[in-house]
Amino acid sequence: MRISLLKKDVKALKRAVKRGEGLRLKHRHELQDCKRWLAIQEEKYTETEAFIQIVEEGCLKMVRGSWLVTECRDNRFRRQQDLPDEAFFSAEDLRSGHRVTAIIAISYCWLHAVHPDPSGAHFRVICRAVKLRLQVKGPGKVQDVALFFDYCSLAQHAEHEQGDMLNPVLGVLRTDTEQKSFSKGLGSVNIPYAHQATEVWMVRYVPRLLTRASYENSGWTTFEKSISSLIKDATKLVDIGESCLTSTDWVHVCEQGLVGRMPPQTPDNFASTIATKTFTNGSDVKFVTAKYKETFIDVVGGSRNLWFVNLKWGDSQAADIVEMLPFCEHLEQLFLSENEFTSTGAMSILQAAGKIDTLRSVDLSDNHIEPTATGDIIAEWEKAGKQKKQLRLGQSRQQPGAVTTDARGADTLALQAVTLATLV
């Protein structure tokens, strides 16, 4: 078996394992290797090893936050090829230090077609955010942050040396080797955003004088935000706007900048949404549509547990969940407590959920379900062959003011730390 050719191909790995077990391979270490690689790929959005292996390939690089704020004196981002080796985390650095390193993906709008941030507006905000993040004490404390920022993390074209820095002109294009590196790294761009353990910082601010699409109307940022919201806790989605420059505390940034999650869009619905957004390169539409579908199938379709708690979702979001559930072929537990679903929304969710053979339990406690409707809802659940005791309705025993999944301030950092610890 050529294990090196199979490492990322889940279907091929499954075939290899099945064939190897059937033939009782003499070279059993090869079979064990296949099983190990399969486990890594099946957990690539929840465990860190698959992500570290992407970094190990050298095409997608993670920038050291500590280096950025102390050594990068240009006040302007440099492309990947122009950064020194010490600016990046090695795979071994991440493997040995992942428990004390926050992995962060930056979602932002390019402010110019040649350089994403000619004036350094994004640079100043991101550097300030990094400094504040590194100053955190207690829960959520880290020694460093590893940043995915596409201009620094993937191979880029060069600016013309004689051009105006504020209005740069395209210079030397990527070499063939750099283009291959860029394409390979771009193929894994979904991982930093969709991974359950990463933080995503959204720089939604766009200078008013620029005549470009807003963050919400841009194609790439719509893609990044959409895949970031699939399974990531809401405390890990933070808007770091201009106000970050005047903040003195990361807790304050989190309090002001937490971004609400929306239910995962089905691939068809996402394709309809992304068709209305703006791309500098029109061919990117096809790429992000396919990449979203791949990520959705892997993340949502492969999840055993989906946690959508305390997100202020109502019956309109229930309709989105109903469309999502047929894709959840392996789902065992669905957590929807502390939202605003009425009896109508809850009934529609359970009608769809009852068709999932693997599903064992649903938590709809602390919603706006009328007590008179609970009998019909329970009957719908039992009609699908599910156990009554595995359906939670009504009010929980949680007291007002207790910490929830979408907590604020110091509780936000505590939740980030606990979530990361349980995943790694």
Protein backbone atom coordinates (compact mmCIF):
# COMPACT_ATOMS: atom_id res chain seq x y z
CA MET A 1 0.00 0.00 0.00
CA ARG A 2 1.25 3.49 -0.84
CA ILE A 3 0.22 5.14 2.43
CA SER A 4 1.59 8.54 1.43
CA LEU A 5 -0.88 8.71 -1.44
CA LEU A 6 -3.84 7.86 0.76
CA LYS A 7 -3.34 10.16 3.75
CA LYS A 8 -6.13 12.62 2.90
CA ASP A 9 -8.46 10.40 0.88
CA VAL A 10 -11.06 9.15 3.36
CA LYS A 11 -12.83 6.88 0.86
CA ALA A 12 -9.56 5.32 -0.27
CA LEU A 13 -8.45 4.84 3.33
CA LYS A 14 -11.72 3.11 4.21
CA ARG A 15 -11.33 0.79 1.22
CA ALA A 16 -7.75 0.06 2.19
CA VAL A 17 -8.70 -0.75 5.78
CA LYS A 18 -11.56 -2.98 4.70
CA ARG A 19 -9.39 -4.80 2.18
CA GLY A 20 -6.51 -5.12 4.61
CA GLU A 21 -8.71 -6.60 7.34
CA GLY A 22 -10.28 -9.00 4.85
CA LEU A 23 -6.91 -10.21 3.59
CA ARG A 24 -5.28 -10.32 7.03
CA LEU A 25 -2.27 -8.43 5.76
CA LYS A 26 1.14 -9.73 6.69
CA HIS A 27 2.42 -6.16 6.89
CA ARG A 28 0.06 -5.26 9.70
CA HIS A 29 1.88 -2.00 10.44
CA GLU A 30 0.60 -0.72 7.09
CA LEU A 31 -2.96 -1.56 8.08
CA GLN A 32 -2.48 0.23 11.39
CA ASP A 33 -1.09 3.24 9.54
CA CYS A 34 -4.20 3.31 7.36
CA LYS A 35 -6.44 3.19 10.43
CA ARG A 36 -4.48 5.99 12.07
CA TRP A 37 -4.64 8.23 9.02
CA LEU A 38 -8.34 7.51 8.65
CA ALA A 39 -9.00 8.53 12.25
CA ILE A 40 -7.04 11.76 11.73
CA GLN A 41 -8.99 12.68 8.61
CA GLU A 42 -12.36 11.84 10.12
CA GLU A 43 -11.57 14.18 13.03
CA LYS A 44 -9.80 16.93 11.07
CA TYR A 45 -12.34 19.57 12.15
CA THR A 46 -12.22 18.70 15.85
CA GLU A 47 -8.69 17.43 16.56
CA THR A 48 -5.45 19.29 15.84
CA GLU A 49 -3.26 16.67 14.14
CA ALA A 50 -4.72 16.97 10.62
CA PHE A 51 -4.34 20.76 10.79
CA ILE A 52 -0.73 20.44 11.97
CA GLN A 53 -0.01 18.09 9.07
CA ILE A 54 -1.28 20.75 6.66
CA VAL A 55 1.22 23.20 8.18
CA GLU A 56 3.89 20.51 7.88
CA GLU A 57 3.40 20.44 4.10
CA GLY A 58 4.65 24.05 4.02
CA CYS A 59 2.08 25.55 1.64
CA LEU A 60 -0.22 27.02 4.30
CA LYS A 61 1.77 28.81 7.00
CA MET A 62 0.75 30.15 10.40
CA VAL A 63 2.21 33.49 11.48
CA ARG A 64 3.54 33.96 15.00
CA GLY A 65 1.51 36.68 16.67
CA SER A 66 4.40 37.49 19.01
CA TRP A 67 6.67 38.05 16.01
CA LEU A 68 4.12 40.21 14.22
CA VAL A 69 3.72 42.68 17.08
CA THR A 70 7.40 42.93 17.98
CA GLU A 71 9.47 42.34 14.84
CA CYS A 72 7.31 43.48 11.92
CA ARG A 73 8.22 47.18 11.90
CA ASP A 74 6.83 47.99 8.47
CA ASN A 75 3.34 48.71 9.89
CA ARG A 76 2.16 46.82 6.84
CA PHE A 77 1.69 43.13 6.03
CA ARG A 78 4.31 41.43 3.91
CA ARG A 79 3.54 38.56 1.57
CA GLN A 80 4.44 35.03 2.63
CA GLN A 81 7.57 34.79 0.44
CA ASP A 82 9.08 37.95 1.97
CA LEU A 83 8.75 36.90 5.60
CA PRO A 84 11.64 35.28 7.53
CA ASP A 85 11.38 31.72 8.80
CA GLU A 86 11.09 32.93 12.39
CA ALA A 87 7.81 34.64 11.50
CA PHE A 88 6.10 31.26 11.16
CA PHE A 89 5.22 28.34 13.41
CA SER A 90 6.73 25.04 12.37
CA ALA A 91 4.55 21.97 12.55
CA GLU A 92 6.61 20.74 15.49
CA ASP A 93 6.12 24.05 17.30
CA LEU A 94 2.35 23.64 17.00
CA ARG A 95 2.44 19.97 17.92
CA SER A 96 4.39 20.57 21.12
CA GLY A 97 2.74 23.86 22.07
CA HIS A 98 -0.85 23.57 20.87
CA ARG A 99 -2.21 23.60 24.42
CA VAL A 100 -0.76 27.06 25.05
CA THR A 101 -1.22 28.50 21.56
CA ALA A 102 -4.46 30.01 20.26
CA ILE A 103 -5.01 29.21 16.59
CA ILE A 104 -6.75 32.14 14.92
CA ALA A 105 -8.09 32.63 11.40
CA ILE A 106 -8.56 36.22 10.21
CA SER A 107 -11.58 37.01 8.03
CA TYR A 108 -11.37 40.41 6.35
CA CYS A 109 -11.88 42.29 3.07
CA TRP A 110 -8.99 43.03 0.75
CA LEU A 111 -8.82 46.83 0.44
CA HIS A 112 -6.83 46.75 -2.82
CA ALA A 113 -6.49 44.17 -5.61
CA VAL A 114 -2.66 44.02 -5.33
CA HIS A 115 -2.16 44.36 -1.57
CA PRO A 116 -4.97 43.66 0.94
CA ASP A 117 -4.09 46.53 3.27
CA PRO A 118 -1.92 49.22 1.64
CA SER A 119 -2.38 51.84 4.37
CA GLY A 120 -2.00 49.42 7.27
CA ALA A 121 -5.54 49.92 8.59
CA HIS A 122 -6.12 46.18 9.12
CA PHE A 123 -2.54 45.75 10.33
CA ARG A 124 -3.02 48.16 13.22
CA VAL A 125 -6.30 46.56 14.33
CA ILE A 126 -4.98 42.99 14.14
CA CYS A 127 -1.73 43.81 15.95
CA ARG A 128 -3.68 45.52 18.71
CA ALA A 129 -5.97 42.50 19.02
CA VAL A 130 -2.96 40.17 19.22
CA LYS A 131 -1.39 42.25 21.99
CA LEU A 132 -4.62 42.23 23.99
CA ARG A 133 -5.09 38.49 23.47
CA LEU A 134 -1.57 37.81 24.75
CA GLN A 135 -2.20 39.90 27.87
CA VAL A 136 -5.05 37.67 29.06
CA LYS A 137 -4.51 36.16 32.50
CA GLY A 138 -6.29 33.18 34.02
CA PRO A 139 -8.78 31.19 31.88
CA GLY A 140 -7.97 31.62 28.20
CA LYS A 141 -4.33 32.56 28.81
CA VAL A 142 -1.95 31.53 26.00
CA GLN A 143 1.75 31.93 25.35
CA ASP A 144 1.33 32.86 21.70
CA VAL A 145 -1.18 32.99 18.86
CA ALA A 146 -0.86 31.33 15.46
CA LEU A 147 -2.50 33.45 12.77
CA PHE A 148 -3.91 32.43 9.42
CA PHE A 149 -3.93 35.60 7.31
CA ASP A 150 -4.09 34.71 3.63
CA TYR A 151 -1.60 37.32 2.36
CA CYS A 152 1.02 36.13 4.85
CA SER A 153 0.00 32.47 4.96
CA LEU A 154 -0.27 31.64 1.24
CA ALA A 155 2.17 32.43 -1.60
CA GLN A 156 1.29 35.74 -3.29
CA HIS A 157 2.13 37.84 -6.35
CA ALA A 158 4.59 40.67 -5.73
CA GLU A 159 4.05 44.41 -5.78
CA HIS A 160 6.02 46.45 -8.31
CA GLU A 161 9.10 47.85 -6.56
CA GLN A 162 8.58 51.33 -8.00
CA GLY A 163 4.87 51.52 -7.25
CA ASP A 164 3.03 53.74 -4.80
CA MET A 165 2.62 51.86 -1.50
CA LEU A 166 -0.86 53.32 -1.02
CA ASN A 167 -1.90 52.40 -4.56
CA PRO A 168 0.37 49.47 -5.44
CA VAL A 169 0.89 48.11 -8.93
CA LEU A 170 1.17 44.40 -9.69
CA GLY A 171 4.77 43.27 -10.05
CA VAL A 172 6.31 39.83 -10.54
CA LEU A 173 3.76 37.03 -10.61
CA ARG A 174 4.07 33.83 -8.61
CA THR A 175 6.56 31.37 -10.06
CA ASP A 176 5.28 27.96 -11.16
CA THR A 177 6.51 26.51 -7.86
CA GLU A 178 4.84 29.29 -5.87
CA GLN A 179 1.61 28.85 -7.84
CA LYS A 180 1.54 25.14 -7.00
CA SER A 181 2.17 26.00 -3.35
CA PHE A 182 -0.62 28.59 -3.41
CA SER A 183 -3.11 26.20 -5.01
CA LYS A 184 -2.28 23.43 -2.56
CA GLY A 185 -2.55 25.74 0.45
CA LEU A 186 -5.80 27.22 -0.85
CA GLY A 187 -7.22 23.70 -0.99
CA SER A 188 -6.99 23.55 2.81
CA VAL A 189 -8.19 27.11 3.49
CA ASN A 190 -11.45 25.84 4.96
CA ILE A 191 -9.73 24.07 7.87
CA PRO A 192 -8.54 27.13 9.87
CA TYR A 193 -12.02 28.66 9.71
CA ALA A 194 -14.22 25.59 10.19
CA HIS A 195 -12.14 23.83 12.86
CA GLN A 196 -13.96 23.64 16.18
CA ALA A 197 -10.95 24.68 18.27
CA THR A 198 -9.87 27.76 16.33
CA GLU A 199 -10.89 31.33 16.99
CA VAL A 200 -12.08 33.43 14.05
CA TRP A 201 -11.47 37.17 14.16
CA MET A 202 -13.65 39.11 11.73
CA VAL A 203 -12.41 42.51 10.61
CA ARG A 204 -15.73 43.74 9.26
CA TYR A 205 -14.68 47.38 9.16
CA VAL A 206 -14.14 48.84 5.67
CA PRO A 207 -13.02 52.51 5.32
CA ARG A 208 -15.93 54.63 4.16
CA LEU A 209 -13.97 56.28 1.36
CA LEU A 210 -13.32 52.97 -0.37
CA THR A 211 -15.70 52.05 -3.17
CA ARG A 212 -15.77 48.34 -2.56
CA ALA A 213 -18.28 45.80 -1.31
CA SER A 214 -18.89 45.65 2.43
CA TYR A 215 -17.86 42.67 4.55
CA GLU A 216 -21.41 41.30 4.40
CA ASN A 217 -21.58 41.64 0.60
CA SER A 218 -18.15 40.19 -0.18
CA GLY A 219 -17.94 36.62 -1.43
CA TRP A 220 -14.87 35.37 0.40
CA THR A 221 -15.90 36.81 3.77
CA THR A 222 -19.38 35.30 3.37
CA PHE A 223 -17.74 31.93 2.77
CA GLU A 224 -15.38 32.33 5.73
CA LYS A 225 -18.13 33.38 8.13
CA SER A 226 -20.44 30.59 6.93
CA ILE A 227 -17.97 27.75 7.47
CA SER A 228 -16.78 29.30 10.74
CA SER A 229 -20.33 29.05 12.12
CA LEU A 230 -20.93 25.38 11.33
CA ILE A 231 -19.80 23.81 14.64
CA LYS A 232 -17.76 26.49 16.37
CA ASP A 233 -18.91 27.84 19.73
CA ALA A 234 -20.23 31.40 19.41
CA THR A 235 -17.62 32.62 21.91
CA LYS A 236 -14.94 31.92 19.31
CA LEU A 237 -16.40 34.27 16.68
CA VAL A 238 -15.25 37.81 17.43
CA ASP A 239 -15.55 41.06 15.47
CA ILE A 240 -12.40 43.13 15.97
CA GLY A 241 -13.29 46.51 14.50
CA GLU A 242 -11.73 49.93 14.92
CA SER A 243 -12.92 50.05 18.54
CA CYS A 244 -10.25 47.45 19.25
CA LEU A 245 -7.65 50.23 18.89
CA THR A 246 -8.96 52.00 21.97
CA SER A 247 -9.68 48.87 24.03
CA THR A 248 -7.36 48.01 26.89
CA ASP A 249 -8.77 44.60 27.68
CA TRP A 250 -9.49 41.51 25.56
CA VAL A 251 -12.58 40.74 27.64
CA HIS A 252 -14.03 44.07 26.51
CA VAL A 253 -13.27 43.23 22.88
CA CYS A 254 -15.11 39.91 23.28
CA GLU A 255 -18.05 41.55 25.01
CA GLN A 256 -18.46 44.11 22.25
CA GLY A 257 -17.61 41.90 19.32
CA LEU A 258 -19.26 38.51 19.75
CA VAL A 259 -20.82 37.51 16.43
CA GLY A 260 -24.11 35.62 16.39
CA ARG A 261 -24.26 32.22 14.72
CA MET A 262 -26.90 31.23 12.21
CA PRO A 263 -27.95 27.67 11.34
CA PRO A 264 -25.72 25.96 8.77
CA GLN A 265 -26.96 26.57 5.24
CA THR A 266 -27.40 23.57 2.99
CA PRO A 267 -25.02 23.56 -0.01
CA ASP A 268 -27.83 24.56 -2.38
CA ASN A 269 -28.90 27.47 -0.17
CA PHE A 270 -25.31 28.61 0.20
CA ALA A 271 -24.85 28.48 -3.58
CA SER A 272 -27.86 30.76 -3.97
CA THR A 273 -26.50 33.15 -1.35
CA ILE A 274 -22.96 33.29 -2.69
CA ALA A 275 -24.22 34.00 -6.22
CA THR A 276 -25.40 37.40 -4.94
CA LYS A 277 -22.02 38.36 -3.44
CA THR A 278 -19.08 40.24 -4.95
CA PHE A 279 -15.80 38.60 -6.01
CA THR A 280 -12.76 40.33 -7.51
CA ASN A 281 -12.08 37.15 -9.43
CA GLY A 282 -15.31 35.71 -10.79
CA SER A 283 -13.88 32.21 -11.01
CA ASP A 284 -13.67 32.13 -7.21
CA VAL A 285 -17.44 31.61 -7.03
CA LYS A 286 -17.11 28.05 -8.30
CA PHE A 287 -14.24 27.32 -5.90
CA VAL A 288 -15.93 28.57 -2.71
CA THR A 289 -19.25 26.91 -3.64
CA ALA A 290 -17.53 23.54 -4.01
CA LYS A 291 -15.37 24.09 -0.92
CA TYR A 292 -18.40 24.99 1.19
CA LYS A 293 -20.21 21.85 0.06
CA GLU A 294 -17.17 19.73 0.90
CA THR A 295 -16.87 21.33 4.34
CA PHE A 296 -20.60 21.10 5.08
CA ILE A 297 -20.75 17.39 4.17
CA ASP A 298 -17.66 16.65 6.28
CA VAL A 299 -18.59 18.78 9.29
CA VAL A 300 -22.38 18.63 9.50
CA GLY A 301 -22.82 15.30 7.76
CA GLY A 302 -20.17 13.67 9.92
CA SER A 303 -21.16 15.15 13.30
CA ARG A 304 -22.47 12.90 16.06
CA ASN A 305 -23.38 15.86 18.24
CA LEU A 306 -24.61 19.30 17.18
CA TRP A 307 -24.71 22.05 19.79
CA PHE A 308 -26.86 25.11 19.06
CA VAL A 309 -27.57 26.46 22.55
CA ASN A 310 -28.59 29.97 23.65
CA LEU A 311 -28.39 31.52 20.20
CA LYS A 312 -31.74 33.34 20.23
CA TRP A 313 -32.96 31.25 17.30
CA GLY A 314 -36.69 31.24 16.57
CA ASP A 315 -39.05 29.53 14.18
CA SER A 316 -37.46 31.05 11.07
CA GLN A 317 -34.19 29.37 12.06
CA ALA A 318 -36.15 26.17 12.80
CA ALA A 319 -36.96 26.05 9.08
CA ASP A 320 -33.21 26.18 8.32
CA ILE A 321 -32.56 23.35 10.78
CA VAL A 322 -35.26 21.25 9.10
CA GLU A 323 -33.46 21.68 5.76
CA MET A 324 -30.12 20.80 7.37
CA LEU A 325 -31.15 17.62 9.21
CA PRO A 326 -31.43 15.24 6.20
CA PHE A 327 -27.67 15.67 5.74
CA CYS A 328 -26.94 14.57 9.33
CA GLU A 329 -26.48 10.88 8.65
CA HIS A 330 -24.45 10.18 11.80
CA LEU A 331 -26.14 12.52 14.27
CA GLU A 332 -26.81 11.07 17.74
CA GLN A 333 -27.54 14.13 19.90
CA LEU A 334 -29.04 17.50 19.00
CA PHE A 335 -28.87 20.34 21.54
CA LEU A 336 -31.24 23.26 20.93
CA SER A 337 -31.99 24.49 24.44
CA GLU A 338 -32.29 28.14 25.53
CA ASN A 339 -33.55 29.41 22.19
CA GLU A 340 -36.89 30.94 21.15
CA PHE A 341 -38.60 28.11 19.27
CA THR A 342 -42.36 27.93 19.68
CA SER A 343 -44.40 24.74 19.50
CA THR A 344 -44.64 25.13 15.72
CA GLY A 345 -40.87 25.32 15.28
CA ALA A 346 -40.22 22.49 17.73
CA MET A 347 -42.74 20.22 16.00
CA SER A 348 -41.19 20.83 12.58
CA ILE A 349 -37.71 20.10 13.93
CA LEU A 350 -38.81 16.82 15.55
CA GLN A 351 -40.63 15.69 12.41
CA ALA A 352 -37.36 16.03 10.49
CA ALA A 353 -35.22 14.69 13.34
CA GLY A 354 -37.34 11.57 13.69
CA LYS A 355 -36.18 10.44 10.24
CA ILE A 356 -32.55 10.19 11.34
CA ASP A 357 -31.97 6.58 12.36
CA THR A 358 -28.87 7.32 14.43
CA LEU A 359 -30.43 10.15 16.46
CA ARG A 360 -31.00 9.24 20.11
CA SER A 361 -31.79 12.49 21.91
CA VAL A 362 -32.96 16.06 21.36
CA ASP A 363 -32.82 18.85 23.94
CA LEU A 364 -35.44 21.57 23.38
CA SER A 365 -35.66 22.73 26.98
CA ASP A 366 -35.97 26.43 27.84
CA ASN A 367 -37.66 27.44 24.60
CA HIS A 368 -41.05 29.10 24.06
CA ILE A 369 -43.00 25.88 23.73
CA GLU A 370 -46.58 26.07 24.97
CA PRO A 371 -47.27 23.49 27.74
CA THR A 372 -50.48 22.45 26.00
CA ALA A 373 -48.50 21.37 22.94
CA THR A 374 -45.97 19.12 24.69
CA GLY A 375 -48.20 16.04 24.46
CA ASP A 376 -48.41 16.28 20.66
CA ILE A 377 -44.67 16.95 20.37
CA ILE A 378 -43.82 13.92 22.51
CA ALA A 379 -46.23 11.80 20.47
CA GLU A 380 -44.47 12.87 17.26
CA TRP A 381 -41.11 11.88 18.77
CA GLU A 382 -42.38 8.48 19.92
CA LYS A 383 -44.07 7.87 16.56
CA ALA A 384 -40.58 7.90 15.04
CA GLY A 385 -39.56 5.07 17.39
CA LYS A 386 -37.63 7.30 19.78
CA GLN A 387 -37.64 7.07 23.57
CA LYS A 388 -39.65 9.67 25.46
CA LYS A 389 -36.95 10.08 28.10
CA GLN A 390 -34.50 11.17 25.38
CA LEU A 391 -36.55 14.26 24.53
CA ARG A 392 -36.14 17.29 26.80
CA LEU A 393 -38.87 19.92 26.84
CA GLY A 394 -40.07 22.46 29.38
CA GLN A 395 -37.83 24.46 31.69
CA SER A 396 -34.51 23.31 33.11
CA ARG A 397 -33.44 23.85 36.71
CA GLN A 398 -30.90 26.47 35.71
CA GLN A 399 -31.26 29.61 37.81
CA PRO A 400 -31.45 33.09 36.24
CA GLY A 401 -28.01 34.54 35.66
CA ALA A 402 -26.25 31.20 35.44
CA VAL A 403 -23.45 30.87 32.91
CA THR A 404 -24.56 29.57 29.50
CA THR A 405 -22.80 28.54 26.32
CA ASP A 406 -22.95 32.07 24.99
CA ALA A 407 -21.55 33.73 28.13
CA ARG A 408 -19.85 37.10 28.13
CA GLY A 409 -16.69 38.65 29.50
CA ALA A 410 -14.45 36.46 31.64
CA ASP A 411 -16.90 33.59 31.19
CA THR A 412 -16.27 33.82 27.44
CA LEU A 413 -12.56 33.24 27.96
CA ALA A 414 -13.23 30.42 30.41
CA LEU A 415 -15.44 28.70 27.87
CA GLN A 416 -12.82 29.14 25.16
CA ALA A 417 -10.23 27.55 27.42
CA VAL A 418 -12.46 24.66 28.46
CA THR A 419 -13.57 23.98 24.88
CA LEU A 420 -9.99 23.94 23.64
CA ALA A 421 -8.85 21.71 26.48
CA THR A 422 -11.54 19.12 25.78
CA LEU A 423 -10.66 19.05 22.08
CA VAL A 424 -6.91 18.74 22.33
